[in-house]
């Protein structure tokens, strides 16, 4: 007979969703802080991305080491390949994203990236699972993309080189989507936090030569140093640790929750701190994104034999 899933069975996915919500909210601060860091110091996007990955990776790795996660890292080619792939994808994603921010604006780069990621993750999950997405999943993505497209019509979306910014944002979205799908199947013996920290450090080291060439000198000012620490800690170390833990509990498809909350947070911060204004279309877009999240997280009925 049809029954609702038990509270015990639902507890783990719900806790995973809470972690994804936290990740999305914290991610929303990353673009703004990265843009602030670049404008105050003159750092190029590759240098900002390198700082984010290196500081965030060092913090996550230190946490994993304190928890004993580094002791269990397998010394195998599979583990090394997983870390290397994560590092490359993170380097591509972060550099392309901050370059898109520089080419256009925080809101346009964030929204364009987040329009593409849900579609790419949904299509990728369907291809890997060899089955089409459910009607509810497809419908929620359509609603989310519609809402994000309305949010794209923002006051800050007219500045800069939109074509270059859109291309860079799509490249960032592709890197993040592949990273999300690559983390679907955990590698036995590889601690999740250790994997995340080592992947970030690898990505940062890959970007370091280009960052040094472009210039990575920080002025000895509290705003510059504070921005680097905040960027590495809040939207990176805490947010990504929460995100990958949420994926582990709730699955790759549920990661769209964090992806959709990031542009909402970034847009709200742009309004509160950047004195941007939202029109009726943007308010409707934000409402549609929230509706999409609600559809994805609505409880489902399962059938069981008694």
Protein backbone atom coordinates (compact mmCIF):
# COMPACT_ATOMS: atom_id res chain seq x y z
CA UNK A 1 0.00 0.00 0.00
CA UNK A 2 1.20 3.60 -0.53
CA UNK A 3 3.05 4.88 2.48
CA UNK A 4 5.11 7.91 3.33
CA UNK A 5 8.79 7.40 3.85
CA UNK A 6 9.61 6.99 7.53
CA UNK A 7 11.20 9.83 9.53
CA UNK A 8 14.31 7.74 10.01
CA UNK A 9 14.66 7.21 6.26
CA UNK A 10 14.08 10.90 5.52
CA UNK A 11 16.46 12.22 8.17
CA UNK A 12 19.68 11.74 6.16
CA UNK A 13 18.43 13.39 2.92
CA UNK A 14 16.99 16.29 4.92
CA UNK A 15 20.29 16.82 6.75
CA UNK A 16 21.99 16.75 3.36
CA UNK A 17 19.61 19.41 2.10
CA UNK A 18 20.40 21.64 5.09
CA UNK A 19 24.10 21.42 4.25
CA UNK A 20 23.37 22.29 0.62
CA UNK A 21 21.32 25.32 1.71
CA UNK A 22 24.22 26.49 3.88
CA UNK A 23 26.65 26.04 0.99
CA UNK A 24 24.46 28.04 -1.40
CA UNK A 25 24.08 30.94 1.04
CA UNK A 26 27.82 31.10 1.72
CA UNK A 27 28.72 30.78 -1.97
CA UNK A 28 26.69 33.89 -2.65
CA UNK A 29 29.34 35.96 -0.86
CA UNK A 30 32.24 34.64 -2.95
CA UNK A 31 31.79 36.66 -6.12
CA UNK A 32 31.30 39.92 -4.24
CA UNK A 33 34.36 39.40 -2.00
CA UNK A 34 36.49 38.23 -4.93
CA UNK A 35 35.47 41.29 -6.95
CA UNK A 36 36.23 43.53 -3.97
CA UNK A 37 39.65 41.91 -3.54
CA UNK A 38 40.48 42.46 -7.23
CA UNK A 39 39.34 46.09 -7.24
CA UNK A 40 41.19 46.98 -4.02
CA UNK A 41 44.47 45.25 -4.92
CA UNK A 42 44.59 45.13 -8.73
CA UNK A 43 44.87 41.32 -8.71
CA UNK A 44 44.01 39.51 -11.92
CA UNK A 45 41.30 36.78 -11.94
CA UNK A 46 43.85 33.95 -12.00
CA UNK A 47 45.55 35.38 -8.88
CA UNK A 48 42.23 35.74 -7.03
CA UNK A 49 41.32 32.17 -7.97
CA UNK A 50 44.75 30.92 -6.83
CA UNK A 51 44.40 32.63 -3.46
CA UNK A 52 40.92 31.17 -2.98
CA UNK A 53 41.98 27.63 -3.80
CA UNK A 54 45.23 27.71 -1.84
CA UNK A 55 43.82 29.28 1.33
CA UNK A 56 40.61 27.25 1.21
CA UNK A 57 42.50 24.05 0.41
CA UNK A 58 44.96 24.62 3.26
CA UNK A 59 42.11 25.14 5.74
CA UNK A 60 40.17 22.07 4.59
CA UNK A 61 43.30 19.90 4.56
CA UNK A 62 44.22 21.06 8.07
CA UNK A 63 40.74 20.16 9.26
CA UNK A 64 40.97 16.74 7.59
CA UNK A 65 44.38 16.16 9.17
CA UNK A 66 43.09 17.07 12.63
CA UNK A 67 40.20 14.64 12.15
CA UNK A 68 42.55 11.87 11.04
CA UNK A 69 41.32 11.82 7.45
CA UNK A 70 44.76 12.15 5.88
CA UNK A 71 45.96 8.93 7.51
CA UNK A 72 43.47 6.88 5.51
CA UNK A 73 44.20 8.40 2.07
CA UNK A 74 45.08 5.46 -0.21
CA UNK A 75 48.41 5.69 -2.06
CA UNK A 76 46.94 4.46 -5.34
CA UNK A 77 46.72 5.72 -8.90
CA UNK A 78 42.96 5.95 -8.61
CA UNK A 79 43.18 8.27 -5.61
CA UNK A 80 45.87 10.40 -7.25
CA UNK A 81 43.80 10.62 -10.44
CA UNK A 82 40.68 11.65 -8.49
CA UNK A 83 42.57 14.45 -6.72
CA UNK A 84 44.24 15.57 -9.97
CA UNK A 85 40.94 15.71 -11.85
CA UNK A 86 39.34 17.68 -9.02
CA UNK A 87 42.27 20.11 -9.04
CA UNK A 88 42.04 20.74 -12.78
CA UNK A 89 38.26 21.22 -12.68
CA UNK A 90 38.48 23.58 -9.70
CA UNK A 91 41.22 25.60 -11.38
CA UNK A 92 39.15 25.94 -14.56
CA UNK A 93 35.95 26.77 -12.68
CA UNK A 94 37.43 29.40 -10.36
CA UNK A 95 39.55 31.14 -13.00
CA UNK A 96 36.75 31.25 -15.56
CA UNK A 97 34.27 32.49 -12.97
CA UNK A 98 36.40 35.38 -11.70
CA UNK A 99 37.34 36.26 -15.29
CA UNK A 100 33.61 36.41 -16.09
CA UNK A 101 33.10 38.68 -13.08
CA UNK A 102 35.84 40.99 -14.34
CA UNK A 103 34.44 40.97 -17.89
CA UNK A 104 30.89 41.83 -16.81
CA UNK A 105 29.72 42.00 -13.18
CA UNK A 106 29.26 39.81 -10.12
CA UNK A 107 25.54 39.40 -10.69
CA UNK A 108 25.72 38.67 -14.42
CA UNK A 109 28.62 36.20 -14.09
CA UNK A 110 26.97 34.41 -11.16
CA UNK A 111 23.55 34.21 -12.74
CA UNK A 112 24.84 33.05 -16.14
CA UNK A 113 26.91 30.33 -14.49
CA UNK A 114 24.00 29.20 -12.35
CA UNK A 115 21.59 29.10 -15.28
CA UNK A 116 23.84 26.55 -16.98
CA UNK A 117 24.83 24.37 -14.01
CA UNK A 118 21.37 22.88 -13.18
CA UNK A 119 20.84 21.98 -16.82
CA UNK A 120 24.29 20.40 -17.17
CA UNK A 121 24.01 18.45 -13.91
CA UNK A 122 20.49 17.21 -14.73
CA UNK A 123 21.48 16.12 -18.25
CA UNK A 124 24.73 14.58 -16.99
CA UNK A 125 22.97 12.65 -14.22
CA UNK A 126 20.40 11.34 -16.69
CA UNK A 127 23.13 10.22 -19.08
CA UNK A 128 25.15 8.49 -16.36
CA UNK A 129 22.07 6.81 -14.92
CA UNK A 130 20.87 5.90 -18.44
CA UNK A 131 17.37 7.13 -17.75
CA UNK A 132 15.59 10.40 -18.46
CA UNK A 133 15.01 12.86 -15.59
CA UNK A 134 11.65 12.63 -13.85
CA UNK A 135 8.88 14.98 -14.88
CA UNK A 136 9.18 16.79 -11.54
CA UNK A 137 12.94 17.25 -11.92
CA UNK A 138 12.60 18.51 -15.49
CA UNK A 139 9.78 20.86 -14.55
CA UNK A 140 11.68 22.29 -11.59
CA UNK A 141 14.71 22.96 -13.81
CA UNK A 142 12.55 24.74 -16.40
CA UNK A 143 11.05 26.93 -13.66
CA UNK A 144 14.50 27.60 -12.18
CA UNK A 145 16.04 28.56 -15.51
CA UNK A 146 13.06 30.83 -16.25
CA UNK A 147 13.53 32.54 -12.89
CA UNK A 148 17.27 32.96 -13.37
CA UNK A 149 16.72 34.41 -16.84
CA UNK A 150 14.43 37.02 -15.31
CA UNK A 151 17.08 37.78 -12.69
CA UNK A 152 19.60 38.23 -15.50
CA UNK A 153 17.68 41.33 -16.54
CA UNK A 154 19.33 43.30 -13.72
CA UNK A 155 20.77 46.80 -13.63
CA UNK A 156 24.34 45.48 -13.49
CA UNK A 157 23.92 43.17 -16.48
CA UNK A 158 24.62 45.86 -19.08
CA UNK A 159 28.23 46.59 -18.16
CA UNK A 160 31.37 45.08 -19.64
CA UNK A 161 31.82 42.59 -22.45
CA UNK A 162 28.71 40.42 -22.22
CA UNK A 163 29.76 37.95 -24.93
CA UNK A 164 33.15 37.22 -23.34
CA UNK A 165 31.61 37.13 -19.88
CA UNK A 166 28.90 34.69 -20.98
CA UNK A 167 31.46 32.38 -22.58
CA UNK A 168 33.64 32.38 -19.48
CA UNK A 169 30.62 31.80 -17.24
CA UNK A 170 29.57 28.81 -19.35
CA UNK A 171 33.09 27.39 -19.10
CA UNK A 172 32.91 27.82 -15.32
CA UNK A 173 29.54 26.08 -15.25
CA UNK A 174 30.91 23.14 -17.23
CA UNK A 175 33.84 22.73 -14.84
CA UNK A 176 31.59 22.81 -11.78
CA UNK A 177 29.02 20.43 -13.28
CA UNK A 178 31.68 17.85 -14.18
CA UNK A 179 33.16 18.19 -10.68
CA UNK A 180 29.74 17.54 -9.13
CA UNK A 181 29.12 14.49 -11.29
CA UNK A 182 32.65 13.19 -10.65
CA UNK A 183 31.92 13.18 -6.90
CA UNK A 184 28.81 10.99 -7.23
CA UNK A 185 30.69 7.75 -6.51
CA UNK A 186 33.10 8.04 -3.54
CA UNK A 187 36.44 6.29 -3.80
CA UNK A 188 36.79 3.62 -1.08
CA UNK A 189 39.22 4.72 1.62
CA UNK A 190 39.46 8.33 0.41
CA UNK A 191 38.16 10.65 3.15
CA UNK A 192 35.71 13.21 1.76
CA UNK A 193 37.29 16.22 3.46
CA UNK A 194 40.82 15.09 2.62
CA UNK A 195 39.77 14.67 -1.00
CA UNK A 196 38.27 18.17 -1.06
CA UNK A 197 41.26 19.82 0.60
CA UNK A 198 43.84 18.07 -1.57
CA UNK A 199 41.81 18.85 -4.69
CA UNK A 200 41.72 22.55 -3.81
CA UNK A 201 45.44 22.62 -3.05
CA UNK A 202 46.17 20.90 -6.36
CA UNK A 203 44.05 23.43 -8.24
CA UNK A 204 45.75 26.31 -6.44
CA UNK A 205 49.22 24.96 -7.23
CA UNK A 206 48.24 24.58 -10.89
CA UNK A 207 47.24 28.25 -10.97
CA UNK A 208 50.20 29.48 -8.93
CA UNK A 209 52.69 29.98 -11.83
CA UNK A 210 50.20 32.04 -13.84
CA UNK A 211 49.18 33.90 -10.70
CA UNK A 212 52.78 34.80 -9.88
CA UNK A 213 53.34 36.05 -13.42
CA UNK A 214 50.24 38.24 -13.23
CA UNK A 215 51.22 39.46 -9.74
CA UNK A 216 50.05 38.16 -6.36
CA UNK A 217 51.55 40.74 -4.01
CA UNK A 218 49.07 41.81 -1.34
CA UNK A 219 49.27 45.28 0.19
CA UNK A 220 49.68 45.08 3.98
CA UNK A 221 46.18 46.37 4.64
CA UNK A 222 43.46 44.78 6.73
CA UNK A 223 40.89 44.99 3.91
CA UNK A 224 43.12 43.08 1.46
CA UNK A 225 44.31 40.43 3.90
CA UNK A 226 40.83 40.12 5.42
CA UNK A 227 39.28 39.61 1.99
CA UNK A 228 41.71 36.77 1.21
CA UNK A 229 41.05 35.08 4.56
CA UNK A 230 37.28 35.49 4.20
CA UNK A 231 37.35 34.22 0.60
CA UNK A 232 39.32 31.14 1.60
CA UNK A 233 37.30 30.40 4.74
CA UNK A 234 33.62 31.24 4.27
CA UNK A 235 32.59 30.72 0.60
CA UNK A 236 35.35 28.13 0.05
CA UNK A 237 36.38 25.97 3.03
CA UNK A 238 33.07 26.01 4.91
CA UNK A 239 30.82 26.19 1.83
CA UNK A 240 32.47 23.44 -0.23
CA UNK A 241 32.85 21.12 2.76
CA UNK A 242 29.13 21.55 3.40
CA UNK A 243 28.32 21.10 -0.30
CA UNK A 244 30.18 17.83 -0.78
CA UNK A 245 28.85 16.47 2.52
CA UNK A 246 25.35 17.40 1.34
CA UNK A 247 25.93 15.66 -1.98
CA UNK A 248 27.04 12.53 -0.12
CA UNK A 249 23.77 12.41 1.82
CA UNK A 250 21.26 13.77 -0.69
CA UNK A 251 22.74 12.95 -4.11
CA UNK A 252 24.05 14.99 -7.05
CA UNK A 253 20.61 16.08 -8.24
CA UNK A 254 19.87 17.69 -4.88
CA UNK A 255 23.00 19.81 -5.27
CA UNK A 256 20.93 22.08 -7.51
CA UNK A 257 19.51 23.56 -4.30
CA UNK A 258 22.88 25.11 -3.43
CA UNK A 259 23.41 26.19 -7.04
CA UNK A 260 20.09 28.06 -7.09
CA UNK A 261 20.55 29.72 -3.71
CA UNK A 262 23.92 31.20 -4.67
CA UNK A 263 22.60 33.72 -7.25
CA UNK A 264 19.72 34.68 -4.96
CA UNK A 265 22.20 35.46 -2.19
CA UNK A 266 24.53 37.30 -4.57
CA UNK A 267 21.63 39.35 -5.95
CA UNK A 268 20.38 40.22 -2.48
CA UNK A 269 23.88 41.32 -1.43
CA UNK A 270 24.17 43.43 -4.58
CA UNK A 271 20.92 45.15 -3.64
CA UNK A 272 21.86 45.66 0.01
CA UNK A 273 25.52 46.59 -0.42
CA UNK A 274 25.77 47.71 -4.02
CA UNK A 275 22.64 49.85 -4.04
CA UNK A 276 21.19 47.94 -6.99
CA UNK A 277 17.43 47.88 -7.40
CA UNK A 278 15.21 44.97 -8.36
CA UNK A 279 12.27 45.50 -10.66
CA UNK A 280 9.13 43.42 -10.96
CA UNK A 281 10.76 40.95 -13.35
CA UNK A 282 13.67 40.31 -10.97
CA UNK A 283 11.32 39.81 -8.01
CA UNK A 284 9.28 37.35 -10.07
CA UNK A 285 12.51 35.58 -11.06
CA UNK A 286 13.55 35.20 -7.43
CA UNK A 287 10.10 33.83 -6.59
CA UNK A 288 10.32 31.25 -9.41
CA UNK A 289 13.73 30.08 -8.19
CA UNK A 290 12.31 29.56 -4.70
CA UNK A 291 9.34 27.69 -6.21
CA UNK A 292 11.76 25.43 -8.08
CA UNK A 293 13.64 24.64 -4.86
CA UNK A 294 10.35 23.89 -3.12
CA UNK A 295 9.29 21.51 -5.92
CA UNK A 296 12.59 19.62 -5.73
CA UNK A 297 12.46 19.29 -1.96
CA UNK A 298 8.77 18.41 -1.63
CA UNK A 299 8.34 14.98 0.01
CA UNK A 300 7.52 12.13 -2.32
CA UNK A 301 5.40 9.09 -1.69
CA UNK A 302 6.93 5.65 -1.95
CA UNK A 303 5.18 2.38 -2.46
CA UNK A 304 5.86 -0.58 -0.26
CA UNK A 305 4.33 -3.98 0.23
CA UNK A 306 2.92 -4.79 3.67
